[in-house]
């Protein structure tokens, strides 16, 4: 499929050829579209592929998620798709959207398409509402003008395969720029979340945002407060998981939106890193995020990226100017972990994700006590025990946190961490560090001490766990003797 970047802006003939080729390719890989369109036509309705599906087709990155728009009302859409689709869901029907799933043959393969059909509509917030008011429209032009950006306001009418682009979306796609179909003020007033979507699309597509759109984002940033935390969180996630999150995050900060959705991030611009005073902690944070991304092995990792983004947010609250002229941030990792928990909870993240990201923030400095390998085996065991299942992410976060331009220092830190990972690997082979537990379980403890269940078993278990971390695996007889010695001390006390 031709790439929109190759479209010459001053050659309408070539532009129309690109349109035709793109539409042809789109329909070639989406045979379900023709079949569905015929069913809508037979029922007396129109159907068009729309929005991100058309944009992605022109960019040569269309997947199997297809978005359609129609003049049929949701009840009519259900009547058409139910006999045709393999599965139907009505989760978004209150907003005019019916979802369905359809398996169709593409060439020699059977492929599954996830489809959404939305009735022509317009959305608008009142000044205090957190939910859009939905009203249905009667024409595709009316539907397209309410879309967020011109690159998402293109459609392909089916089955006649007519390309519809009333707002110059194809030209904007060629120029890699984000503009709104109407004025940005009207667009953002209709749905303030579109301001965050501008940052998200800039990050996902590596597009620039038009100056008038940026100006409106700055002027209207406070309007984001009426949007629910869940919708803000979902947009933030998409931005952070994109190919160029730094671009989107910088736009949130520069426009003032971050002050309302993630205020800890712009607060970092005022601080200086304790090791490199020429380097803004905000800039350092974005570099750490990019370096963490470079270490990902199984695709984008939200837990790791959030930890990288938030790892230093405790610095503003812990900054101290020392007598020798240095700036210190003592215990910023502990303060930062608490701040991370508070912010992520406010954004309605899951308890598990909040716990994992907060833990990584809390542990991200632990390695800096390692020096050149002075840790005992006991300290290494505790490092692994405290990280638990987050150990591989902690490795990546710790390595990413080195942004010094001093190559000698950077190489020394890297070698030191190589050494720590080698020691962990050796101990894991010897001791099964991933599942460190006492050498006696609860039942054995009760048997040795001749006591029943109760708080004392937990205390004994904790004593044996500390002993295990300190000394490594023990023979059963040695563990029993140590437990009896501890019990005798408790009895004397």
Protein backbone atom coordinates (compact mmCIF):
# COMPACT_ATOMS: atom_id res chain seq x y z
CA UNK A 1 0.00 0.00 0.00
CA UNK A 2 1.38 3.46 -0.82
CA UNK A 3 2.49 5.50 2.13
CA UNK A 4 0.80 8.84 2.68
CA UNK A 5 4.23 10.40 3.16
CA UNK A 6 4.90 9.80 -0.52
CA UNK A 7 1.93 11.88 -1.67
CA UNK A 8 3.01 14.99 -3.58
CA UNK A 9 1.06 17.94 -2.23
CA UNK A 10 0.95 19.80 -5.56
CA UNK A 11 -0.27 16.95 -7.78
CA UNK A 12 -4.03 16.27 -7.42
CA UNK A 13 -3.93 13.53 -10.05
CA UNK A 14 -1.29 11.57 -8.16
CA UNK A 15 -3.22 12.22 -4.95
CA UNK A 16 -6.38 10.63 -6.38
CA UNK A 17 -4.36 7.64 -7.61
CA UNK A 18 -3.02 7.10 -4.11
CA UNK A 19 -6.59 7.28 -2.81
CA UNK A 20 -7.78 4.68 -5.27
CA UNK A 21 -4.87 2.34 -4.58
CA UNK A 22 -5.34 2.72 -0.81
CA UNK A 23 -9.07 2.02 -0.99
CA UNK A 24 -8.49 -0.96 -3.28
CA UNK A 25 -5.88 -2.41 -0.93
CA UNK A 26 -8.10 -1.77 2.07
CA UNK A 27 -11.00 -3.68 0.58
CA UNK A 28 -8.72 -6.44 -0.69
CA UNK A 29 -7.59 -7.28 2.83
CA UNK A 30 -11.04 -6.69 4.36
CA UNK A 31 -13.52 -8.91 2.47
CA UNK A 32 -15.92 -8.72 5.42
CA UNK A 33 -16.52 -5.04 4.58
CA UNK A 34 -18.27 -5.68 1.24
CA UNK A 35 -20.47 -8.39 2.68
CA UNK A 36 -21.52 -6.23 5.62
CA UNK A 37 -22.13 -3.20 3.38
CA UNK A 38 -24.47 -5.18 1.12
CA UNK A 39 -26.55 -6.19 4.13
CA UNK A 40 -26.87 -2.57 5.24
CA UNK A 41 -27.78 -1.52 1.68
CA UNK A 42 -30.45 -4.22 1.41
CA UNK A 43 -31.96 -2.91 4.67
CA UNK A 44 -32.04 0.63 3.23
CA UNK A 45 -29.06 2.08 5.11
CA UNK A 46 -25.58 3.43 4.30
CA UNK A 47 -22.28 2.09 5.64
CA UNK A 48 -18.78 3.58 5.50
CA UNK A 49 -15.41 2.61 6.84
CA UNK A 50 -14.27 5.55 8.92
CA UNK A 51 -11.71 7.19 11.18
CA UNK A 52 -8.61 5.34 12.33
CA UNK A 53 -9.24 2.44 9.96
CA UNK A 54 -8.98 4.71 6.92
CA UNK A 55 -6.02 6.58 8.39
CA UNK A 56 -4.14 3.36 9.11
CA UNK A 57 -4.93 1.97 5.66
CA UNK A 58 -3.34 5.04 4.08
CA UNK A 59 -0.34 4.66 6.37
CA UNK A 60 0.00 1.00 5.41
CA UNK A 61 -0.61 -0.24 8.97
CA UNK A 62 -4.22 -1.45 8.97
CA UNK A 63 -4.94 -4.34 11.30
CA UNK A 64 -8.10 -6.41 11.73
CA UNK A 65 -9.94 -3.89 13.92
CA UNK A 66 -12.39 -2.10 11.62
CA UNK A 67 -14.54 0.94 12.43
CA UNK A 68 -17.69 1.73 10.44
CA UNK A 69 -20.30 4.47 10.61
CA UNK A 70 -23.91 4.34 9.44
CA UNK A 71 -27.21 6.21 9.35
CA UNK A 72 -28.90 3.16 10.89
CA UNK A 73 -29.88 3.52 14.55
CA UNK A 74 -28.40 1.00 17.02
CA UNK A 75 -31.50 -1.21 17.12
CA UNK A 76 -31.43 -1.48 13.33
CA UNK A 77 -27.69 -2.21 13.39
CA UNK A 78 -28.33 -5.09 15.81
CA UNK A 79 -30.98 -6.55 13.50
CA UNK A 80 -28.49 -6.49 10.59
CA UNK A 81 -25.36 -7.81 12.31
CA UNK A 82 -26.84 -10.49 14.58
CA UNK A 83 -27.61 -13.02 11.80
CA UNK A 84 -24.25 -12.25 10.13
CA UNK A 85 -21.65 -11.96 12.89
CA UNK A 86 -20.06 -14.77 14.89
CA UNK A 87 -20.44 -12.75 18.10
CA UNK A 88 -22.14 -9.47 19.01
CA UNK A 89 -21.71 -7.19 22.03
CA UNK A 90 -23.67 -4.15 23.14
CA UNK A 91 -21.26 -2.57 25.64
CA UNK A 92 -21.19 0.76 23.79
CA UNK A 93 -24.78 0.84 22.59
CA UNK A 94 -25.65 3.77 24.88
CA UNK A 95 -23.16 5.79 22.79
CA UNK A 96 -24.50 4.43 19.50
CA UNK A 97 -21.90 1.68 19.00
CA UNK A 98 -22.52 -1.99 18.31
CA UNK A 99 -19.55 -4.35 18.34
CA UNK A 100 -19.22 -7.69 16.60
CA UNK A 101 -16.74 -10.31 15.53
CA UNK A 102 -16.57 -12.00 12.13
CA UNK A 103 -14.29 -14.69 10.70
CA UNK A 104 -13.67 -14.24 6.99
CA UNK A 105 -11.39 -15.78 4.42
CA UNK A 106 -8.53 -13.57 3.22
CA UNK A 107 -6.64 -15.28 0.43
CA UNK A 108 -5.69 -18.70 1.75
CA UNK A 109 -6.16 -17.85 5.43
CA UNK A 110 -9.11 -17.50 7.77
CA UNK A 111 -8.89 -14.23 9.71
CA UNK A 112 -10.88 -12.76 12.56
CA UNK A 113 -12.14 -9.19 12.32
CA UNK A 114 -13.24 -7.12 15.31
CA UNK A 115 -15.79 -4.63 14.04
CA UNK A 116 -17.53 -1.61 15.53
CA UNK A 117 -20.49 0.04 13.82
CA UNK A 118 -21.46 3.47 15.16
CA UNK A 119 -24.50 5.52 14.21
CA UNK A 120 -23.78 9.00 12.83
CA UNK A 121 -23.55 11.10 15.95
CA UNK A 122 -22.35 14.22 17.68
CA UNK A 123 -20.99 14.45 21.22
CA UNK A 124 -20.79 17.43 23.53
CA UNK A 125 -20.09 18.04 27.20
CA UNK A 126 -21.88 20.64 29.24
CA UNK A 127 -19.67 22.72 31.52
CA UNK A 128 -19.88 20.34 34.46
CA UNK A 129 -20.66 16.88 33.01
CA UNK A 130 -18.18 14.00 33.01
CA UNK A 131 -20.11 12.11 30.33
CA UNK A 132 -20.84 13.16 26.76
CA UNK A 133 -24.40 13.76 25.63
CA UNK A 134 -25.06 11.73 22.49
CA UNK A 135 -27.31 12.84 19.67
CA UNK A 136 -27.61 11.03 16.35
CA UNK A 137 -26.95 12.68 13.00
CA UNK A 138 -28.36 12.09 9.53
CA UNK A 139 -25.34 12.49 7.23
CA UNK A 140 -21.77 11.30 7.11
CA UNK A 141 -20.56 14.88 6.67
CA UNK A 142 -22.24 15.77 9.96
CA UNK A 143 -20.54 12.77 11.55
CA UNK A 144 -17.07 13.56 10.21
CA UNK A 145 -17.04 17.17 11.38
CA UNK A 146 -17.44 15.97 15.00
CA UNK A 147 -14.34 13.76 14.75
CA UNK A 148 -11.27 14.73 16.76
CA UNK A 149 -8.68 15.32 14.00
CA UNK A 150 -8.77 15.64 10.23
CA UNK A 151 -6.63 12.49 9.79
CA UNK A 152 -9.44 10.65 11.61
CA UNK A 153 -12.21 12.41 9.66
CA UNK A 154 -11.91 10.46 6.41
CA UNK A 155 -14.28 7.72 5.27
CA UNK A 156 -14.80 5.19 2.50
CA UNK A 157 -18.48 4.81 1.54
CA UNK A 158 -19.45 1.23 0.79
CA UNK A 159 -20.15 -0.60 -1.39
CA UNK A 160 -19.52 2.15 -3.97
CA UNK A 161 -15.99 2.66 -2.58
CA UNK A 162 -16.20 6.46 -2.56
CA UNK A 163 -13.41 8.24 -0.67
CA UNK A 164 -14.81 11.03 1.52
CA UNK A 165 -12.43 13.67 2.88
CA UNK A 166 -14.21 17.00 3.47
CA UNK A 167 -11.55 18.40 5.83
CA UNK A 168 -8.28 17.72 4.01
CA UNK A 169 -7.26 14.77 6.16
CA UNK A 170 -5.20 13.13 3.43
CA UNK A 171 -3.10 16.27 2.97
CA UNK A 172 -2.57 16.50 6.73
CA UNK A 173 -1.61 12.85 6.80
CA UNK A 174 0.96 13.51 4.08
CA UNK A 175 2.35 16.43 6.08
CA UNK A 176 2.24 14.43 9.34
CA UNK A 177 0.27 17.11 11.15
CA UNK A 178 -2.68 17.01 13.55
CA UNK A 179 -5.44 19.55 12.97
CA UNK A 180 -9.11 19.57 13.99
CA UNK A 181 -11.97 19.52 11.41
CA UNK A 182 -13.55 22.62 12.96
CA UNK A 183 -11.89 25.04 15.34
CA UNK A 184 -9.85 23.33 18.06
CA UNK A 185 -11.77 25.30 20.68
CA UNK A 186 -15.07 23.78 19.47
CA UNK A 187 -13.53 20.33 19.27
CA UNK A 188 -12.04 20.43 22.77
CA UNK A 189 -15.19 21.93 24.21
CA UNK A 190 -17.17 18.99 22.78
CA UNK A 191 -14.78 16.54 24.44
CA UNK A 192 -11.81 17.84 26.49
CA UNK A 193 -10.17 14.40 26.36
CA UNK A 194 -9.28 15.22 22.76
CA UNK A 195 -6.49 17.41 24.11
CA UNK A 196 -4.87 14.30 25.55
CA UNK A 197 -5.62 12.43 22.34
CA UNK A 198 -3.59 15.06 20.47
CA UNK A 199 -0.60 14.20 22.65
CA UNK A 200 -1.30 10.48 22.28
CA UNK A 201 -1.51 10.58 18.47
CA UNK A 202 1.64 12.70 18.31
CA UNK A 203 3.37 9.95 20.30
CA UNK A 204 1.86 7.04 18.37
CA UNK A 205 2.25 8.42 14.85
CA UNK A 206 5.23 10.75 15.42
CA UNK A 207 3.15 13.64 14.04
CA UNK A 208 3.40 17.34 14.82
CA UNK A 209 0.46 19.18 16.37
CA UNK A 210 -0.67 22.31 14.52
CA UNK A 211 0.17 25.58 16.34
CA UNK A 212 -3.48 26.62 16.68
CA UNK A 213 -4.25 23.25 18.28
CA UNK A 214 -1.38 23.64 20.77
CA UNK A 215 -2.61 27.16 21.59
CA UNK A 216 -6.11 25.85 22.30
CA UNK A 217 -4.70 23.08 24.49
CA UNK A 218 -2.86 25.68 26.56
CA UNK A 219 -5.92 27.90 26.86
CA UNK A 220 -8.33 25.09 27.70
CA UNK A 221 -6.14 22.72 29.74
CA UNK A 222 -8.22 23.12 32.88
CA UNK A 223 -11.24 21.66 31.06
CA UNK A 224 -9.64 18.21 31.35
CA UNK A 225 -10.80 18.20 34.97
CA UNK A 226 -14.36 17.29 33.94
CA UNK A 227 -13.20 14.08 32.26
CA UNK A 228 -13.35 10.90 34.35
CA UNK A 229 -10.13 9.51 35.81
CA UNK A 230 -10.68 6.25 33.94
CA UNK A 231 -10.77 7.94 30.51
CA UNK A 232 -7.70 10.03 31.36
CA UNK A 233 -5.85 6.92 32.53
CA UNK A 234 -6.67 4.99 29.36
CA UNK A 235 -5.35 7.81 27.15
CA UNK A 236 -2.24 8.12 29.30
CA UNK A 237 -1.61 4.40 28.96
CA UNK A 238 -1.88 4.53 25.17
CA UNK A 239 0.54 7.46 25.11
CA UNK A 240 3.06 5.77 27.42
CA UNK A 241 2.90 2.52 25.45
CA UNK A 242 3.43 4.29 22.11
CA UNK A 243 6.57 4.35 20.01
CA UNK A 244 7.43 7.96 20.93
CA UNK A 245 6.05 8.62 24.45
CA UNK A 246 8.55 11.39 25.14
CA UNK A 247 6.97 13.49 22.40
CA UNK A 248 3.49 13.13 23.85
CA UNK A 249 4.56 13.65 27.46
CA UNK A 250 6.47 16.80 26.55
CA UNK A 251 3.34 18.14 24.85
CA UNK A 252 1.28 17.44 27.99
CA UNK A 253 3.82 19.32 30.08
CA UNK A 254 4.31 22.24 27.67
CA UNK A 255 0.56 22.85 27.29
CA UNK A 256 -0.16 22.63 31.03
CA UNK A 257 -2.33 19.51 30.73
CA UNK A 258 0.10 17.53 32.86
CA UNK A 259 -0.59 19.89 35.78
CA UNK A 260 -4.05 18.31 35.96
CA UNK A 261 -3.40 14.69 35.00
CA UNK A 262 0.17 13.99 36.19
CA UNK A 263 1.42 17.08 38.10
CA UNK A 264 4.44 15.22 39.48
CA UNK A 265 6.00 15.24 36.01
CA UNK A 266 6.21 19.01 35.35
CA UNK A 267 7.32 19.48 38.98
CA UNK A 268 10.58 17.73 38.03
CA UNK A 269 11.59 20.60 35.71
CA UNK A 270 12.48 22.71 38.75
CA UNK A 271 14.87 20.19 40.23
CA UNK A 272 18.47 19.26 39.54
CA UNK A 273 19.92 15.78 39.59
CA UNK A 274 22.21 15.28 42.57
CA UNK A 275 25.00 13.84 40.43
CA UNK A 276 24.77 16.10 37.36
CA UNK A 277 23.52 19.56 38.23
CA UNK A 278 23.52 20.62 34.58
CA UNK A 279 20.85 18.02 33.91
CA UNK A 280 17.21 18.72 34.67
CA UNK A 281 15.55 15.82 36.52
CA UNK A 282 12.61 16.12 34.11
CA UNK A 283 14.91 15.62 31.14
CA UNK A 284 16.70 12.83 32.99
CA UNK A 285 13.35 11.10 33.59
CA UNK A 286 12.41 11.15 29.90
CA UNK A 287 15.83 9.74 28.99
CA UNK A 288 15.41 6.95 31.57
CA UNK A 289 12.03 6.13 30.02
CA UNK A 290 13.55 5.86 26.54
CA UNK A 291 16.46 3.77 27.83
CA UNK A 292 14.06 1.44 29.63
CA UNK A 293 12.09 1.04 26.39
CA UNK A 294 15.28 0.01 24.62
CA UNK A 295 15.67 -2.88 27.09
CA UNK A 296 12.16 -4.28 26.56
CA UNK A 297 12.19 -7.79 25.11
CA UNK A 298 8.52 -8.75 24.80
CA UNK A 299 6.89 -5.57 23.50
CA UNK A 300 5.87 -2.44 25.43
CA UNK A 301 5.83 -2.99 29.21
CA UNK A 302 3.44 -0.62 31.02
CA UNK A 303 4.77 -1.52 34.48
CA UNK A 304 8.37 -0.78 33.51
CA UNK A 305 7.51 2.41 31.63
CA UNK A 306 5.41 3.79 34.48
CA UNK A 307 8.20 3.01 36.95
CA UNK A 308 10.74 4.78 34.74
CA UNK A 309 8.44 7.78 34.40
CA UNK A 310 7.74 8.04 38.13
CA UNK A 311 11.00 6.82 39.68
CA UNK A 312 12.26 10.28 40.70
CA UNK A 313 8.99 12.07 41.56
CA UNK A 314 10.00 12.14 45.23
CA UNK A 315 12.90 14.49 44.54
CA UNK A 316 11.03 17.82 44.75
CA UNK A 317 9.81 17.01 48.27
CA UNK A 318 13.18 15.78 49.52
CA UNK A 319 15.54 18.38 48.03
CA UNK A 320 18.05 19.79 50.49
CA UNK A 321 20.87 22.26 49.91
CA UNK A 322 23.91 21.01 51.82
CA UNK A 323 26.58 23.25 53.39
CA UNK A 324 29.19 22.10 50.89
CA UNK A 325 27.02 23.33 48.00
CA UNK A 326 25.72 19.93 46.96
CA UNK A 327 22.03 19.19 46.51
CA UNK A 328 20.72 16.03 48.17
CA UNK A 329 17.49 14.06 47.82
CA UNK A 330 17.70 11.69 50.78
CA UNK A 331 15.04 8.96 50.81
CA UNK A 332 13.41 10.29 47.66
CA UNK A 333 12.76 6.69 46.61
CA UNK A 334 10.64 6.07 49.73
CA UNK A 335 8.74 9.34 49.33
CA UNK A 336 8.41 8.70 45.60
CA UNK A 337 6.89 5.26 46.19
CA UNK A 338 4.19 6.80 48.39
CA UNK A 339 3.52 9.54 45.83
CA UNK A 340 3.35 6.93 43.07
CA UNK A 341 0.75 4.95 44.98
CA UNK A 342 -1.33 8.08 45.59
CA UNK A 343 -1.24 9.28 41.98
CA UNK A 344 -1.89 5.89 40.42
CA UNK A 345 -4.76 5.25 42.82
CA UNK A 346 -6.30 8.61 41.87
CA UNK A 347 -6.07 7.54 38.21
CA UNK A 348 -7.92 4.31 39.04
CA UNK A 349 -5.11 1.91 38.20
CA UNK A 350 -5.51 -1.67 39.41
CA UNK A 351 -4.24 -2.48 42.90
CA UNK A 352 -1.72 -4.95 41.47
CA UNK A 353 -0.22 -2.42 39.05
CA UNK A 354 -0.08 0.25 41.76
CA UNK A 355 1.73 -2.18 44.04
CA UNK A 356 4.25 -3.26 41.38
CA UNK A 357 5.13 0.24 40.12
CA UNK A 358 5.40 1.64 43.66
CA UNK A 359 7.70 -1.22 44.62
CA UNK A 360 9.99 -0.58 41.66
CA UNK A 361 10.17 3.12 42.54
CA UNK A 362 11.04 2.19 46.12
CA UNK A 363 13.80 -0.22 45.05
CA UNK A 364 15.35 1.72 42.17
CA UNK A 365 18.24 3.09 44.27
CA UNK A 366 19.04 -0.10 46.17
CA UNK A 367 21.80 -1.10 43.75
CA UNK A 368 23.80 2.07 44.44
CA UNK A 369 24.86 0.59 47.77
CA UNK A 370 26.50 -2.29 45.91
CA UNK A 371 29.65 -0.33 45.10
CA UNK A 372 32.13 -2.56 43.31
CA UNK A 373 30.77 -5.77 44.77
CA UNK A 374 30.99 -5.27 48.53
CA UNK A 375 27.59 -6.84 49.17
CA UNK A 376 27.55 -10.11 51.08
CA UNK A 377 25.63 -13.09 49.74
CA UNK A 378 23.04 -12.23 52.37
CA UNK A 379 22.56 -8.75 50.86
CA UNK A 380 22.20 -10.25 47.38
CA UNK A 381 19.56 -12.69 48.67
CA UNK A 382 17.62 -9.82 50.22
CA UNK A 383 17.81 -7.84 46.97
CA UNK A 384 16.27 -10.76 45.11
CA UNK A 385 13.72 -11.46 47.85
CA UNK A 386 12.60 -7.81 47.99
CA UNK A 387 12.25 -7.56 44.20
CA UNK A 388 10.41 -10.88 43.94
CA UNK A 389 8.76 -11.31 40.51
CA UNK A 390 9.78 -7.73 39.62
CA UNK A 391 13.49 -8.61 39.54
CA UNK A 392 13.90 -8.55 35.75
CA UNK A 393 12.12 -5.19 35.57
CA UNK A 394 14.27 -3.87 38.42
CA UNK A 395 17.37 -4.88 36.44
CA UNK A 396 16.12 -2.86 33.46
CA UNK A 397 15.05 0.15 35.53
CA UNK A 398 18.36 0.28 37.39
CA UNK A 399 20.40 0.09 34.21
CA UNK A 400 18.20 2.73 32.56
CA UNK A 401 18.69 5.12 35.47
CA UNK A 402 22.28 5.78 34.40
CA UNK A 403 22.22 8.85 32.14
CA UNK A 404 25.67 10.25 32.83
CA UNK A 405 27.68 11.53 29.87
CA UNK A 406 30.85 10.40 31.64
CA UNK A 407 31.62 7.21 29.71
CA UNK A 408 34.10 5.96 32.30
CA UNK A 409 31.53 6.26 35.09
CA UNK A 410 28.77 4.77 32.94
CA UNK A 411 30.95 1.79 32.03
CA UNK A 412 31.89 1.27 35.68
CA UNK A 413 28.24 1.23 36.74
CA UNK A 414 27.37 -1.15 33.94
CA UNK A 415 30.21 -3.52 34.90
CA UNK A 416 29.15 -3.41 38.54
CA UNK A 417 25.59 -4.34 37.64
CA UNK A 418 26.86 -7.09 35.35
CA UNK A 419 28.69 -8.42 38.38
CA UNK A 420 25.57 -8.29 40.55
CA UNK A 421 23.50 -10.13 37.95
CA UNK A 422 26.22 -12.80 37.68
CA UNK A 423 26.20 -13.28 41.46
CA UNK A 424 22.41 -13.53 41.46
CA UNK A 425 22.59 -16.16 38.70
CA UNK A 426 25.16 -18.21 40.64
CA UNK A 427 23.15 -18.07 43.86
CA UNK A 428 19.94 -18.92 41.99
CA UNK A 429 21.58 -22.05 40.65
CA UNK A 430 22.70 -23.04 44.14
CA UNK A 431 19.75 -21.96 46.26
CA UNK A 432 16.60 -21.40 44.19
CA UNK A 433 16.50 -17.73 45.16
CA UNK A 434 13.20 -17.15 43.37
CA UNK A 435 11.38 -19.12 46.07
CA UNK A 436 13.34 -18.34 49.24
CA UNK A 437 11.56 -19.71 52.28
CA UNK A 438 12.60 -20.97 55.72
CA UNK A 439 14.12 -24.43 56.02
CA UNK A 440 11.12 -25.50 58.15
CA UNK A 441 7.49 -24.90 57.24
CA UNK A 442 4.66 -23.98 59.61
CA UNK A 443 3.69 -27.57 60.42
CA UNK A 444 7.29 -28.49 61.21
CA UNK A 445 7.63 -25.42 63.43
CA UNK A 446 4.56 -26.44 65.45
CA UNK A 447 5.91 -29.98 65.75
CA UNK A 448 9.38 -28.87 66.93
CA UNK A 449 8.00 -26.36 69.44
CA UNK A 450 5.05 -28.55 70.42
CA UNK A 451 2.61 -25.65 70.12
CA UNK A 452 -0.61 -25.11 68.17
CA UNK A 453 -1.45 -22.46 65.56
CA UNK A 454 -1.07 -18.86 66.71
CA UNK A 455 1.03 -15.67 66.45
CA UNK A 456 4.16 -17.42 67.73
CA UNK A 457 4.31 -19.55 64.56
CA UNK A 458 4.47 -16.40 62.44
CA UNK A 459 7.29 -15.01 64.59
CA UNK A 460 9.19 -18.30 64.37
CA UNK A 461 8.70 -18.39 60.61
CA UNK A 462 10.05 -14.85 60.30
CA UNK A 463 13.10 -15.76 62.44
CA UNK A 464 13.87 -18.75 60.23
CA UNK A 465 13.41 -16.69 57.07
CA UNK A 466 15.91 -14.10 58.29
CA UNK A 467 18.29 -16.93 59.15
CA UNK A 468 17.86 -18.36 55.66
CA UNK A 469 18.55 -15.01 54.03
CA UNK A 470 21.61 -14.46 56.18
CA UNK A 471 23.21 -17.90 55.92
CA UNK A 472 21.70 -19.55 52.89
CA UNK A 473 20.23 -23.09 52.98
CA UNK A 474 20.64 -25.00 56.25
CA UNK A 475 20.52 -28.70 57.07
CA UNK A 476 17.33 -29.72 58.86
CA UNK A 477 19.12 -30.56 62.10
CA UNK A 478 20.83 -27.14 62.12
CA UNK A 479 17.53 -25.38 61.45
CA UNK A 480 15.81 -27.33 64.25
CA UNK A 481 18.62 -26.48 66.67
CA UNK A 482 18.47 -22.79 65.72
CA UNK A 483 14.69 -22.75 66.19
CA UNK A 484 14.93 -24.39 69.62
CA UNK A 485 17.59 -21.88 70.65
CA UNK A 486 15.34 -19.00 69.54
CA UNK A 487 12.39 -20.53 71.42
CA UNK A 488 14.44 -20.85 74.60
CA UNK A 489 15.32 -17.12 74.36
CA UNK A 490 11.66 -16.26 73.89
CA UNK A 491 10.69 -18.32 76.93
CA UNK A 492 13.36 -16.67 79.08
CA UNK A 493 12.22 -13.25 77.92
